[in-house]
Amino acid sequence: MTVTDPIADMLTRIRNAVMVRHDSVLVPSSKMKLAISRILKDEGFISDYEVVRGKPQRMIKIRLKYQDKNEPVLSGLERVSKPGLRMYVQKKEIPRVYGGLGVAIISTPKGLMTGQQAWRQGTGGELLCYIW
């Protein structure tokens, strides 16, 4: 079976792994998913990620991050722009997620970045997902 929305698949795998308190999760690798993983690490939602060589294709091993008493740092992920309905935002339309506690990931002409970074650089783009 082919996945029609690989980014939604990645977010669902992470969400499911966090719900059952796994230490890490494997996701099929792509440039876009690596960029999302980098943003998750930079924003402190995951502890680390690495590319693992697999037989059919390379995988990204994402190490999940927990606070004391096994409480996940990552409490929610939501896909916004879907293959059936793309969502684009201009600089002035970039949303704040949970009053600034969350992060919007935007695909801009200058690459993948958080909503705050896109706003600072004065660029808009495709609103991929919210993470909080």
N, C-alpha and C. Protein backbone atom coordinates (compact mmCIF):
# COMPACT_ATOMS: atom_id res chain seq x y z
N MET A 1 0.84 -1.19 0.00
CA MET A 1 0.00 0.00 0.00
C MET A 1 0.89 1.26 0.00
N THR A 2 0.55 2.20 -0.84
CA THR A 2 1.32 3.44 -0.89
C THR A 2 0.66 4.49 0.00
N VAL A 3 1.49 5.29 0.61
CA VAL A 3 1.00 6.36 1.48
C VAL A 3 0.79 7.60 0.63
N THR A 4 -0.43 8.16 0.67
CA THR A 4 -0.72 9.34 -0.15
C THR A 4 -0.21 10.62 0.49
N ASP A 5 -0.09 10.62 1.83
CA ASP A 5 0.40 11.81 2.53
C ASP A 5 1.50 11.39 3.51
N PRO A 6 2.77 11.36 3.04
CA PRO A 6 3.87 10.89 3.88
C PRO A 6 4.10 11.73 5.14
N ILE A 7 3.83 13.03 5.09
CA ILE A 7 4.04 13.88 6.26
C ILE A 7 3.00 13.55 7.34
N ALA A 8 1.75 13.36 6.93
CA ALA A 8 0.71 12.96 7.88
C ALA A 8 1.04 11.61 8.49
N ASP A 9 1.61 10.71 7.68
CA ASP A 9 2.02 9.39 8.17
C ASP A 9 3.10 9.54 9.24
N MET A 10 4.07 10.43 8.98
CA MET A 10 5.15 10.68 9.95
C MET A 10 4.58 11.21 11.26
N LEU A 11 3.70 12.21 11.17
CA LEU A 11 3.12 12.81 12.37
C LEU A 11 2.30 11.79 13.16
N THR A 12 1.57 10.92 12.44
CA THR A 12 0.77 9.89 13.11
C THR A 12 1.66 8.88 13.81
N ARG A 13 2.76 8.48 13.17
CA ARG A 13 3.69 7.54 13.81
C ARG A 13 4.27 8.14 15.09
N ILE A 14 4.64 9.42 15.05
CA ILE A 14 5.19 10.09 16.24
C ILE A 14 4.11 10.17 17.32
N ARG A 15 2.89 10.60 16.93
CA ARG A 15 1.78 10.72 17.89
C ARG A 15 1.50 9.38 18.57
N ASN A 16 1.44 8.30 17.78
CA ASN A 16 1.17 6.97 18.34
C ASN A 16 2.28 6.52 19.28
N ALA A 17 3.54 6.77 18.90
CA ALA A 17 4.68 6.37 19.74
C ALA A 17 4.68 7.12 21.06
N VAL A 18 4.31 8.41 21.03
CA VAL A 18 4.25 9.21 22.26
C VAL A 18 3.14 8.70 23.16
N MET A 19 2.00 8.31 22.57
CA MET A 19 0.86 7.84 23.37
C MET A 19 1.20 6.57 24.15
N VAL A 20 2.02 5.68 23.57
CA VAL A 20 2.38 4.44 24.26
C VAL A 20 3.76 4.52 24.91
N ARG A 21 4.31 5.76 24.99
CA ARG A 21 5.56 6.04 25.70
C ARG A 21 6.78 5.29 25.16
N HIS A 22 6.87 5.17 23.84
CA HIS A 22 8.07 4.55 23.25
C HIS A 22 9.25 5.50 23.37
N ASP A 23 10.48 4.94 23.36
CA ASP A 23 11.69 5.76 23.41
C ASP A 23 11.98 6.39 22.05
N SER A 24 11.70 5.63 20.98
CA SER A 24 11.99 6.14 19.63
C SER A 24 10.97 5.58 18.65
N VAL A 25 10.97 6.16 17.45
CA VAL A 25 10.07 5.72 16.39
C VAL A 25 10.81 5.79 15.06
N LEU A 26 10.53 4.82 14.17
CA LEU A 26 11.15 4.79 12.84
C LEU A 26 10.18 5.34 11.81
N VAL A 27 10.69 6.22 10.93
CA VAL A 27 9.89 6.84 9.89
C VAL A 27 10.67 6.72 8.58
N PRO A 28 10.02 6.35 7.46
CA PRO A 28 10.74 6.33 6.18
C PRO A 28 11.35 7.70 5.88
N SER A 29 12.58 7.71 5.36
CA SER A 29 13.33 8.95 5.19
C SER A 29 12.98 9.70 3.90
N SER A 30 12.98 11.03 3.99
CA SER A 30 12.91 11.91 2.83
C SER A 30 13.50 13.25 3.27
N LYS A 31 13.81 14.11 2.31
CA LYS A 31 14.40 15.42 2.65
C LYS A 31 13.44 16.25 3.50
N MET A 32 12.15 16.20 3.14
CA MET A 32 11.14 16.97 3.87
C MET A 32 11.03 16.48 5.31
N LYS A 33 11.00 15.16 5.51
CA LYS A 33 10.88 14.60 6.86
C LYS A 33 12.14 14.88 7.69
N LEU A 34 13.30 14.88 7.05
CA LEU A 34 14.54 15.24 7.76
C LEU A 34 14.48 16.69 8.22
N ALA A 35 13.95 17.56 7.37
CA ALA A 35 13.84 18.98 7.72
C ALA A 35 12.85 19.16 8.88
N ILE A 36 11.74 18.41 8.87
CA ILE A 36 10.76 18.48 9.96
C ILE A 36 11.40 17.97 11.25
N SER A 37 12.17 16.87 11.15
CA SER A 37 12.86 16.32 12.32
C SER A 37 13.85 17.33 12.90
N ARG A 38 14.56 18.03 12.02
CA ARG A 38 15.53 19.05 12.46
C ARG A 38 14.81 20.16 13.24
N ILE A 39 13.66 20.60 12.74
CA ILE A 39 12.90 21.65 13.42
C ILE A 39 12.39 21.14 14.77
N LEU A 40 11.91 19.89 14.81
CA LEU A 40 11.43 19.31 16.08
C LEU A 40 12.55 19.28 17.12
N LYS A 41 13.78 18.95 16.66
CA LYS A 41 14.92 18.89 17.58
C LYS A 41 15.32 20.31 18.02
N ASP A 42 15.38 21.24 17.06
CA ASP A 42 15.77 22.62 17.37
C ASP A 42 14.79 23.27 18.36
N GLU A 43 13.50 22.93 18.24
CA GLU A 43 12.48 23.52 19.10
C GLU A 43 12.34 22.77 20.43
N GLY A 44 13.07 21.65 20.57
CA GLY A 44 13.09 20.93 21.84
C GLY A 44 11.96 19.93 22.05
N PHE A 45 11.26 19.54 20.97
CA PHE A 45 10.17 18.58 21.10
C PHE A 45 10.66 17.14 21.10
N ILE A 46 11.81 16.88 20.45
CA ILE A 46 12.41 15.54 20.46
C ILE A 46 13.85 15.67 20.93
N SER A 47 14.43 14.57 21.43
CA SER A 47 15.80 14.68 21.93
C SER A 47 16.81 14.57 20.80
N ASP A 48 16.56 13.71 19.80
CA ASP A 48 17.50 13.55 18.70
C ASP A 48 16.86 12.78 17.56
N TYR A 49 17.54 12.77 16.41
CA TYR A 49 17.12 11.95 15.28
C TYR A 49 18.36 11.54 14.51
N GLU A 50 18.28 10.41 13.81
CA GLU A 50 19.40 9.95 12.98
C GLU A 50 18.86 9.14 11.82
N VAL A 51 19.62 9.13 10.73
CA VAL A 51 19.24 8.35 9.56
C VAL A 51 19.83 6.95 9.71
N VAL A 52 18.96 5.94 9.61
CA VAL A 52 19.37 4.55 9.75
C VAL A 52 19.21 3.88 8.40
N ARG A 53 20.24 3.14 7.98
CA ARG A 53 20.16 2.45 6.70
C ARG A 53 19.27 1.21 6.84
N GLY A 54 18.21 1.16 6.05
CA GLY A 54 17.31 0.01 6.05
C GLY A 54 17.42 -0.72 4.73
N LYS A 55 16.83 -1.90 4.63
CA LYS A 55 16.90 -2.68 3.40
C LYS A 55 16.15 -2.03 2.24
N PRO A 56 14.80 -1.84 2.34
CA PRO A 56 14.15 -1.23 1.17
C PRO A 56 14.52 0.25 1.01
N GLN A 57 14.58 0.97 2.10
CA GLN A 57 14.97 2.39 2.04
C GLN A 57 15.50 2.84 3.40
N ARG A 58 16.10 4.05 3.42
CA ARG A 58 16.62 4.58 4.67
C ARG A 58 15.46 5.02 5.56
N MET A 59 15.69 4.95 6.87
CA MET A 59 14.67 5.34 7.84
C MET A 59 15.26 6.43 8.74
N ILE A 60 14.38 7.24 9.32
CA ILE A 60 14.80 8.22 10.31
C ILE A 60 14.38 7.68 11.67
N LYS A 61 15.34 7.55 12.57
CA LYS A 61 15.03 7.11 13.93
C LYS A 61 14.91 8.36 14.78
N ILE A 62 13.69 8.62 15.25
CA ILE A 62 13.41 9.81 16.05
C ILE A 62 13.35 9.41 17.52
N ARG A 63 14.22 10.00 18.33
CA ARG A 63 14.22 9.71 19.77
C ARG A 63 13.30 10.71 20.46
N LEU A 64 12.26 10.19 21.09
CA LEU A 64 11.27 11.03 21.73
C LEU A 64 11.78 11.55 23.07
N LYS A 65 11.26 12.68 23.48
CA LYS A 65 11.73 13.34 24.69
C LYS A 65 10.61 13.36 25.73
N TYR A 66 10.96 13.02 26.96
CA TYR A 66 9.99 13.01 28.05
C TYR A 66 10.50 13.84 29.22
N GLN A 67 9.56 14.49 29.93
CA GLN A 67 9.91 15.21 31.14
C GLN A 67 9.87 14.22 32.29
N ASP A 68 10.00 14.72 33.51
CA ASP A 68 9.97 13.82 34.67
C ASP A 68 8.63 13.08 34.75
N LYS A 69 8.65 11.91 35.33
CA LYS A 69 7.49 11.02 35.45
C LYS A 69 6.90 10.63 34.10
N ASN A 70 7.77 10.46 33.11
CA ASN A 70 7.36 9.94 31.80
C ASN A 70 6.30 10.80 31.09
N GLU A 71 6.32 12.09 31.34
CA GLU A 71 5.37 13.00 30.71
C GLU A 71 5.98 13.48 29.38
N PRO A 72 5.30 13.24 28.23
CA PRO A 72 5.90 13.63 26.95
C PRO A 72 6.00 15.15 26.78
N VAL A 73 7.09 15.59 26.18
CA VAL A 73 7.28 17.01 25.88
C VAL A 73 6.32 17.39 24.75
N LEU A 74 6.16 16.49 23.81
CA LEU A 74 5.30 16.68 22.64
C LEU A 74 3.87 16.30 23.01
N SER A 75 2.97 17.27 23.07
CA SER A 75 1.60 16.94 23.48
C SER A 75 0.63 16.88 22.30
N GLY A 76 1.00 17.44 21.16
CA GLY A 76 0.09 17.38 20.02
C GLY A 76 0.75 17.71 18.70
N LEU A 77 0.25 17.05 17.63
CA LEU A 77 0.70 17.32 16.26
C LEU A 77 -0.56 17.37 15.40
N GLU A 78 -0.65 18.34 14.51
CA GLU A 78 -1.82 18.44 13.65
C GLU A 78 -1.40 18.81 12.24
N ARG A 79 -1.79 18.01 11.27
CA ARG A 79 -1.52 18.28 9.86
C ARG A 79 -2.50 19.35 9.40
N VAL A 80 -2.02 20.39 8.74
CA VAL A 80 -2.89 21.47 8.30
C VAL A 80 -3.12 21.39 6.79
N SER A 81 -2.05 21.50 6.01
CA SER A 81 -2.14 21.45 4.56
C SER A 81 -2.13 19.98 4.13
N LYS A 82 -3.18 19.55 3.45
CA LYS A 82 -3.29 18.16 3.03
C LYS A 82 -3.21 18.08 1.50
N PRO A 83 -2.93 16.90 0.95
CA PRO A 83 -2.87 16.81 -0.51
C PRO A 83 -4.17 17.23 -1.20
N GLY A 84 -5.31 17.00 -0.55
CA GLY A 84 -6.59 17.38 -1.15
C GLY A 84 -6.94 18.84 -0.97
N LEU A 85 -6.35 19.49 0.03
CA LEU A 85 -6.63 20.90 0.32
C LEU A 85 -5.38 21.56 0.87
N ARG A 86 -4.63 22.20 -0.02
CA ARG A 86 -3.40 22.87 0.39
C ARG A 86 -3.74 24.18 1.08
N MET A 87 -2.96 24.51 2.12
CA MET A 87 -3.17 25.75 2.87
C MET A 87 -1.91 26.62 2.74
N TYR A 88 -2.06 27.79 2.19
CA TYR A 88 -0.94 28.71 2.05
C TYR A 88 -1.20 29.95 2.88
N VAL A 89 -0.13 30.51 3.45
CA VAL A 89 -0.26 31.72 4.25
C VAL A 89 0.76 32.76 3.79
N GLN A 90 0.36 34.03 3.90
CA GLN A 90 1.30 35.12 3.66
C GLN A 90 1.95 35.47 4.99
N LYS A 91 2.94 36.35 4.92
CA LYS A 91 3.67 36.71 6.14
C LYS A 91 2.73 37.18 7.25
N LYS A 92 1.78 38.03 6.92
CA LYS A 92 0.90 38.60 7.94
C LYS A 92 -0.18 37.63 8.41
N GLU A 93 -0.32 36.46 7.74
CA GLU A 93 -1.34 35.48 8.12
C GLU A 93 -0.78 34.31 8.93
N ILE A 94 0.53 34.31 9.21
CA ILE A 94 1.16 33.18 9.92
C ILE A 94 0.55 33.08 11.32
N PRO A 95 -0.04 31.92 11.65
CA PRO A 95 -0.71 31.79 12.94
C PRO A 95 0.25 31.56 14.10
N ARG A 96 -0.20 31.92 15.31
CA ARG A 96 0.53 31.58 16.53
C ARG A 96 -0.14 30.36 17.11
N VAL A 97 0.62 29.33 17.38
CA VAL A 97 0.06 28.08 17.89
C VAL A 97 0.09 28.10 19.41
N TYR A 98 -1.06 27.92 20.02
CA TYR A 98 -1.20 27.92 21.48
C TYR A 98 -0.53 29.14 22.11
N GLY A 99 -0.80 30.30 21.56
CA GLY A 99 -0.28 31.54 22.12
C GLY A 99 1.23 31.62 22.15
N GLY A 100 1.88 30.97 21.19
CA GLY A 100 3.34 31.01 21.11
C GLY A 100 4.01 29.81 21.76
N LEU A 101 3.24 28.95 22.45
CA LEU A 101 3.83 27.75 23.06
C LEU A 101 4.09 26.68 22.02
N GLY A 102 3.31 26.68 20.96
CA GLY A 102 3.49 25.69 19.89
C GLY A 102 4.23 26.28 18.71
N VAL A 103 4.40 25.45 17.67
CA VAL A 103 5.15 25.86 16.50
C VAL A 103 4.36 25.52 15.24
N ALA A 104 4.33 26.45 14.30
CA ALA A 104 3.77 26.16 12.98
C ALA A 104 4.96 25.89 12.06
N ILE A 105 4.92 24.78 11.31
CA ILE A 105 6.00 24.49 10.36
C ILE A 105 5.52 24.88 8.97
N ILE A 106 6.32 25.72 8.31
CA ILE A 106 5.94 26.28 7.01
C ILE A 106 7.00 25.95 5.97
N SER A 107 6.53 25.51 4.79
CA SER A 107 7.43 25.25 3.67
C SER A 107 7.49 26.52 2.82
N THR A 108 8.62 27.21 2.88
CA THR A 108 8.78 28.48 2.17
C THR A 108 9.73 28.31 0.99
N PRO A 109 9.81 29.32 0.13
CA PRO A 109 10.80 29.25 -0.97
C PRO A 109 12.24 29.17 -0.44
N LYS A 110 12.46 29.58 0.82
CA LYS A 110 13.80 29.53 1.42
C LYS A 110 14.01 28.25 2.22
N GLY A 111 13.09 27.28 2.11
CA GLY A 111 13.22 26.02 2.82
C GLY A 111 12.20 25.90 3.94
N LEU A 112 12.25 24.78 4.64
CA LEU A 112 11.32 24.53 5.74
C LEU A 112 11.76 25.32 6.97
N MET A 113 10.81 25.99 7.63
CA MET A 113 11.14 26.75 8.83
C MET A 113 9.90 26.91 9.71
N THR A 114 10.14 27.37 10.93
CA THR A 114 9.01 27.61 11.83
C THR A 114 8.28 28.88 11.39
N GLY A 115 7.07 29.04 11.88
CA GLY A 115 6.29 30.23 11.54
C GLY A 115 6.97 31.51 11.97
N GLN A 116 7.63 31.46 13.14
CA GLN A 116 8.33 32.63 13.66
C GLN A 116 9.51 33.02 12.76
N GLN A 117 10.27 32.00 12.31
CA GLN A 117 11.40 32.27 11.42
C GLN A 117 10.91 32.85 10.09
N ALA A 118 9.81 32.29 9.56
CA ALA A 118 9.25 32.77 8.29
C ALA A 118 8.78 34.21 8.45
N TRP A 119 8.16 34.51 9.59
CA TRP A 119 7.67 35.86 9.84
C TRP A 119 8.83 36.85 9.89
N ARG A 120 9.93 36.45 10.58
CA ARG A 120 11.12 37.31 10.68
C ARG A 120 11.73 37.56 9.31
N GLN A 121 11.73 36.53 8.45
CA GLN A 121 12.33 36.69 7.12
C GLN A 121 11.36 37.32 6.13
N GLY A 122 10.14 37.56 6.56
CA GLY A 122 9.16 38.23 5.70
C GLY A 122 8.67 37.38 4.55
N THR A 123 8.51 36.09 4.79
CA THR A 123 8.05 35.21 3.72
C THR A 123 6.91 34.32 4.20
N GLY A 124 6.06 33.93 3.29
CA GLY A 124 4.97 33.01 3.59
C GLY A 124 5.25 31.68 2.91
N GLY A 125 4.25 30.82 2.85
CA GLY A 125 4.42 29.54 2.20
C GLY A 125 3.32 28.57 2.56
N GLU A 126 3.58 27.28 2.35
CA GLU A 126 2.58 26.26 2.65
C GLU A 126 2.64 25.91 4.14
N LEU A 127 1.52 26.01 4.81
CA LEU A 127 1.41 25.73 6.25
C LEU A 127 1.26 24.22 6.42
N LEU A 128 2.38 23.54 6.73
CA LEU A 128 2.38 22.08 6.79
C LEU A 128 1.68 21.53 8.02
N CYS A 129 2.10 21.97 9.22
CA CYS A 129 1.51 21.40 10.43
C CYS A 129 1.74 22.29 11.65
N TYR A 130 0.98 21.97 12.70
CA TYR A 130 1.14 22.61 14.00
C TYR A 130 1.72 21.58 14.96
N ILE A 131 2.60 22.00 15.84
CA ILE A 131 3.17 21.12 16.86
C ILE A 131 3.14 21.87 18.17
N TRP A 132 2.65 21.23 19.21
CA TRP A 132 2.64 21.85 20.54
C TRP A 132 2.90 20.85 21.62
